[in-house]
C-alpha atoms as a PDB file:
ATOM      1  CA  MET A   1     110.202 -51.743  10.512  1.00  0.00           C
ATOM      2  CA  SER A   2     107.551 -52.998  12.884  1.00  0.00           C
ATOM      3  CA  GLY A   3     108.075 -56.444  14.373  1.00  0.00           C
ATOM      4  CA  HIS A   4     105.617 -59.256  14.818  1.00  0.00           C
ATOM      5  CA  ILE A   5     104.701 -59.428  18.490  1.00  0.00           C
ATOM      6  CA  ASP A   6     101.138 -60.759  18.683  1.00  0.00           C
ATOM      7  CA  PRO A   7      99.178 -63.151  16.436  1.00  0.00           C
ATOM      8  CA  GLU A   8      97.361 -61.604  13.517  1.00  0.00           C
ATOM      9  CA  ARG A   9      93.579 -62.123  13.456  1.00  0.00           C
ATOM     10  CA  GLU A  10      93.569 -64.295  10.309  1.00  0.00           C
ATOM     11  CA  ALA A  11      96.262 -66.651  11.656  1.00  0.00           C
ATOM     12  CA  TRP A  12      94.505 -66.854  15.045  1.00  0.00           C
ATOM     13  CA  ASP A  13      91.237 -67.758  13.319  1.00  0.00           C
ATOM     14  CA  ILE A  14      92.988 -70.545  11.366  1.00  0.00           C
ATOM     15  CA  PHE A  15      94.686 -71.781  14.567  1.00  0.00           C
ATOM     16  CA  LYS A  16      91.265 -72.159  16.211  1.00  0.00           C
ATOM     17  CA  THR A  17      89.917 -74.258  13.300  1.00  0.00           C
ATOM     18  CA  LEU A  18      92.694 -76.875  13.595  1.00  0.00           C
ATOM     19  CA  PRO A  19      92.142 -80.001  15.720  1.00  0.00           C
ATOM     20  CA  ARG A  20      91.921 -79.188  19.426  1.00  0.00           C
ATOM     21  CA  ASP A  21      92.217 -82.729  20.814  1.00  0.00           C
ATOM     22  CA  GLN A  22      95.890 -83.496  20.155  1.00  0.00           C
ATOM     23  CA  VAL A  23      99.265 -82.491  21.555  1.00  0.00           C
ATOM     24  CA  ILE A  24     100.754 -79.459  19.829  1.00  0.00           C
ATOM     25  CA  HIS A  25     104.199 -77.916  19.815  1.00  0.00           C
ATOM     26  CA  MET A  26     104.757 -74.201  19.404  1.00  0.00           C
ATOM     27  CA  LEU A  27     108.094 -73.125  17.909  1.00  0.00           C
ATOM     28  CA  ASN A  28     109.090 -69.737  19.307  1.00  0.00           C
ATOM     29  CA  LEU A  29     111.752 -67.539  17.703  1.00  0.00           C
ATOM     30  CA  VAL A  30     112.385 -64.284  19.547  1.00  0.00           C
ATOM     31  CA  ARG A  31     114.480 -61.186  18.796  1.00  0.00           C
ATOM     32  CA  LEU A  32     114.841 -58.924  21.807  1.00  0.00           C
ATOM     33  CA  LYS A  33     114.997 -55.157  22.139  1.00  0.00           C
ATOM     34  CA  PRO A  34     118.221 -53.763  23.607  1.00  0.00           C
ATOM     35  CA  LEU A  35     116.115 -51.845  26.150  1.00  0.00           C
ATOM     36  CA  ALA A  36     112.632 -52.930  27.282  1.00  0.00           C
ATOM     37  CA  THR A  37     109.836 -50.457  26.583  1.00  0.00           C
ATOM     38  CA  TYR A  38     107.165 -50.729  29.249  1.00  0.00           C
ATOM     39  CA  PRO A  39     104.105 -48.455  29.175  1.00  0.00           C
ATOM     40  CA  ALA A  40     104.250 -45.471  31.541  1.00  0.00           C
ATOM     41  CA  ASP A  41     101.738 -47.041  33.961  1.00  0.00           C
ATOM     42  CA  HIS A  42     103.700 -50.324  34.346  1.00  0.00           C
ATOM     43  CA  PRO A  43     105.727 -50.815  37.570  1.00  0.00           C
ATOM     44  CA  ASP A  44     108.865 -51.605  35.506  1.00  0.00           C
ATOM     45  CA  HIS A  45     108.634 -48.460  33.367  1.00  0.00           C
ATOM     46  CA  ALA A  46     111.880 -46.427  33.341  1.00  0.00           C
ATOM     47  CA  LYS A  47     113.828 -49.041  35.323  1.00  0.00           C
ATOM     48  CA  GLY A  48     116.274 -49.516  32.459  1.00  0.00           C
ATOM     49  CA  LEU A  49     115.590 -53.249  32.052  1.00  0.00           C
ATOM     50  CA  SER A  50     116.980 -54.939  28.975  1.00  0.00           C
ATOM     51  CA  GLY A  51     114.761 -56.813  26.566  1.00  0.00           C
ATOM     52  CA  LEU A  52     116.279 -60.047  27.882  1.00  0.00           C
ATOM     53  CA  GLU A  53     115.448 -59.111  31.476  1.00  0.00           C
ATOM     54  CA  ALA A  54     111.859 -58.306  30.485  1.00  0.00           C
ATOM     55  CA  TYR A  55     111.494 -61.551  28.531  1.00  0.00           C
ATOM     56  CA  ARG A  56     112.899 -63.571  31.426  1.00  0.00           C
ATOM     57  CA  ALA A  57     110.370 -61.882  33.720  1.00  0.00           C
ATOM     58  CA  TYR A  58     107.658 -62.966  31.276  1.00  0.00           C
ATOM     59  CA  GLY A  59     108.906 -66.564  31.276  1.00  0.00           C
ATOM     60  CA  ARG A  60     109.361 -66.722  35.032  1.00  0.00           C
ATOM     61  CA  THR A  61     105.956 -65.251  35.883  1.00  0.00           C
ATOM     62  CA  THR A  62     103.925 -67.172  33.286  1.00  0.00           C
ATOM     63  CA  ALA A  63     105.592 -70.579  33.848  1.00  0.00           C
ATOM     64  CA  PRO A  64     103.096 -71.535  36.604  1.00  0.00           C
ATOM     65  CA  ILE A  65     100.181 -70.823  34.235  1.00  0.00           C
ATOM     66  CA  LEU A  66     101.769 -72.954  31.513  1.00  0.00           C
ATOM     67  CA  LYS A  67     102.342 -75.788  33.987  1.00  0.00           C
ATOM     68  CA  LYS A  68      98.796 -75.540  35.409  1.00  0.00           C
ATOM     69  CA  LEU A  69      97.417 -76.058  31.900  1.00  0.00           C
ATOM     70  CA  GLY A  70      99.622 -79.106  31.300  1.00  0.00           C
ATOM     71  CA  GLY A  71     102.182 -77.358  29.127  1.00  0.00           C
ATOM     72  CA  ARG A  72     105.966 -77.449  29.290  1.00  0.00           C
ATOM     73  CA  GLN A  73     109.059 -76.342  27.436  1.00  0.00           C
ATOM     74  CA  VAL A  74     110.429 -79.387  25.573  1.00  0.00           C
ATOM     75  CA  TRP A  75     113.390 -77.880  23.733  1.00  0.00           C
ATOM     76  CA  ALA A  76     115.466 -74.730  23.912  1.00  0.00           C
ATOM     77  CA  GLY A  77     118.502 -73.621  21.964  1.00  0.00           C
ATOM     78  CA  LYS A  78     120.666 -70.530  21.650  1.00  0.00           C
ATOM     79  CA  PRO A  79     120.707 -69.334  18.038  1.00  0.00           C
ATOM     80  CA  GLN A  80     124.250 -68.690  16.808  1.00  0.00           C
ATOM     81  CA  VAL A  81     124.230 -67.862  13.093  1.00  0.00           C
ATOM     82  CA  MET A  82     121.681 -67.869  10.274  1.00  0.00           C
ATOM     83  CA  VAL A  83     123.345 -70.346   7.918  1.00  0.00           C
ATOM     84  CA  THR A  84     120.610 -70.276   5.280  1.00  0.00           C
ATOM     85  CA  GLY A  85     118.383 -67.236   5.105  1.00  0.00           C
ATOM     86  CA  PRO A  86     118.674 -63.501   5.578  1.00  0.00           C
ATOM     87  CA  ALA A  87     120.872 -62.253   8.419  1.00  0.00           C
ATOM     88  CA  SER A  88     117.968 -60.010   9.422  1.00  0.00           C
ATOM     89  CA  GLU A  89     116.198 -63.205  10.513  1.00  0.00           C
ATOM     90  CA  ALA A  90     118.710 -63.740  13.338  1.00  0.00           C
ATOM     91  CA  TRP A  91     117.100 -64.657  16.690  1.00  0.00           C
ATOM     92  CA  ASP A  92     118.152 -64.289  20.323  1.00  0.00           C
ATOM     93  CA  ILE A  93     115.972 -67.070  21.757  1.00  0.00           C
ATOM     94  CA  ALA A  94     114.551 -70.272  20.260  1.00  0.00           C
ATOM     95  CA  PHE A  95     112.405 -72.816  22.066  1.00  0.00           C
ATOM     96  CA  ILE A  96     109.534 -75.250  21.650  1.00  0.00           C
ATOM     97  CA  ALA A  97     106.660 -75.337  24.118  1.00  0.00           C
ATOM     98  CA  GLU A  98     104.372 -78.354  24.276  1.00  0.00           C
ATOM     99  CA  TYR A  99     100.674 -78.120  25.116  1.00  0.00           C
ATOM    100  CA  PRO A 100      98.403 -81.109  25.772  1.00  0.00           C
ATOM    101  CA  ASN A 101      96.069 -79.639  23.140  1.00  0.00           C
ATOM    102  CA  SER A 102      95.416 -76.351  21.391  1.00  0.00           C
ATOM    103  CA  GLN A 103      92.640 -75.494  23.830  1.00  0.00           C
ATOM    104  CA  ALA A 104      95.284 -75.305  26.591  1.00  0.00           C
ATOM    105  CA  PHE A 105      97.155 -72.687  24.537  1.00  0.00           C
ATOM    106  CA  ILE A 106      93.927 -70.765  23.931  1.00  0.00           C
ATOM    107  CA  ASP A 107      93.112 -70.944  27.643  1.00  0.00           C
ATOM    108  CA  MET A 108      96.576 -69.641  28.505  1.00  0.00           C
ATOM    109  CA  VAL A 109      96.352 -66.543  26.307  1.00  0.00           C
ATOM    110  CA  ARG A 110      92.836 -65.840  27.618  1.00  0.00           C
ATOM    111  CA  ASP A 111      93.826 -66.274  31.290  1.00  0.00           C
ATOM    112  CA  PRO A 112      93.375 -62.904  33.081  1.00  0.00           C
ATOM    113  CA  GLU A 113      96.655 -63.230  34.994  1.00  0.00           C
ATOM    114  CA  TYR A 114      98.547 -64.168  31.820  1.00  0.00           C
ATOM    115  CA  ARG A 115      97.073 -61.158  30.028  1.00  0.00           C
ATOM    116  CA  LEU A 116      98.625 -58.889  32.671  1.00  0.00           C
ATOM    117  CA  LEU A 117     101.983 -60.656  32.700  1.00  0.00           C
ATOM    118  CA  VAL A 118     102.364 -60.659  28.910  1.00  0.00           C
ATOM    119  CA  ALA A 119     103.299 -56.967  29.266  1.00  0.00           C
ATOM    120  CA  HIS A 120     106.839 -58.198  30.030  1.00  0.00           C
ATOM    121  CA  ARG A 121     106.945 -60.014  26.681  1.00  0.00           C
ATOM    122  CA  THR A 122     105.574 -57.031  24.804  1.00  0.00           C
ATOM    123  CA  ALA A 123     108.110 -54.730  26.486  1.00  0.00           C
ATOM    124  CA  GLY A 124     111.092 -56.942  25.684  1.00  0.00           C
ATOM    125  CA  VAL A 125     110.393 -58.361  22.223  1.00  0.00           C
ATOM    126  CA  GLU A 126     111.432 -56.570  19.038  1.00  0.00           C
ATOM    127  CA  ASP A 127     110.238 -59.309  16.680  1.00  0.00           C
ATOM    128  CA  SER A 128     109.087 -62.907  16.945  1.00  0.00           C
ATOM    129  CA  ARG A 129     107.739 -65.924  15.130  1.00  0.00           C
ATOM    130  CA  LEU A 130     105.332 -68.465  16.593  1.00  0.00           C
ATOM    131  CA  LEU A 131     104.651 -71.587  14.562  1.00  0.00           C
ATOM    132  CA  ARG A 132     102.168 -74.273  15.564  1.00  0.00           C
ATOM    133  CA  LEU A 133     103.535 -77.757  14.912  1.00  0.00           C
ATOM    134  CA  ASP A 134     101.932 -81.190  14.855  1.00  0.00           C
ATOM    135  CA  PRO A 135     104.595 -83.322  16.579  1.00  0.00           C
ATOM    136  CA  ILE A 136     105.593 -86.445  14.652  1.00  0.00           C
ATOM    137  CA  THR A 137     108.081 -89.207  15.315  1.00  0.00           C
ATOM    138  CA  PRO A 138     111.106 -88.516  13.102  1.00  0.00           C
ATOM    139  CA  GLY A 139     112.125 -91.015  10.444  1.00  0.00           C
ATOM    140  CA  GLU A 140     115.629 -91.938   9.356  1.00  0.00           C
ATOM    141  CA  GLY A 141     116.049 -89.150   6.828  1.00  0.00           C
ATOM    142  CA  PHE A 142     115.364 -85.425   6.921  1.00  0.00           C
ATOM    143  CA  GLY A 143     111.716 -84.653   6.225  1.00  0.00           C
ATOM    144  CA  GLU A 144     110.516 -88.173   7.091  1.00  0.00           C
END
């Protein structure tokens, strides 16, 4: 089974049609590879790094780009058990990143430095989900 690592063209096209002038949250769910798989020409190829080590390198090296664009991580949690849903949908990492607007996210993924550093993410991730959210103020009950 092939995992979802990068956005699919149709979803990316829809993302770009949504409002660009409001704060957005991006829910990230990540399943890691036991062993990172870097391309042969990458400096970390054959170093035996775990998927977690590769993903942490991605986070550490891209954090300044996120910050420069006005983004930040607003929530993180360690998944423990899939209570409702298939066990195959278990995740190693879950977090929400906030961007001042969707253009900041677009600018991040188009940034030349980011495009080089994302190799760490690609090497370490087995499967992932990325869901754009419109942040709202929660009500008293679930779903409000």
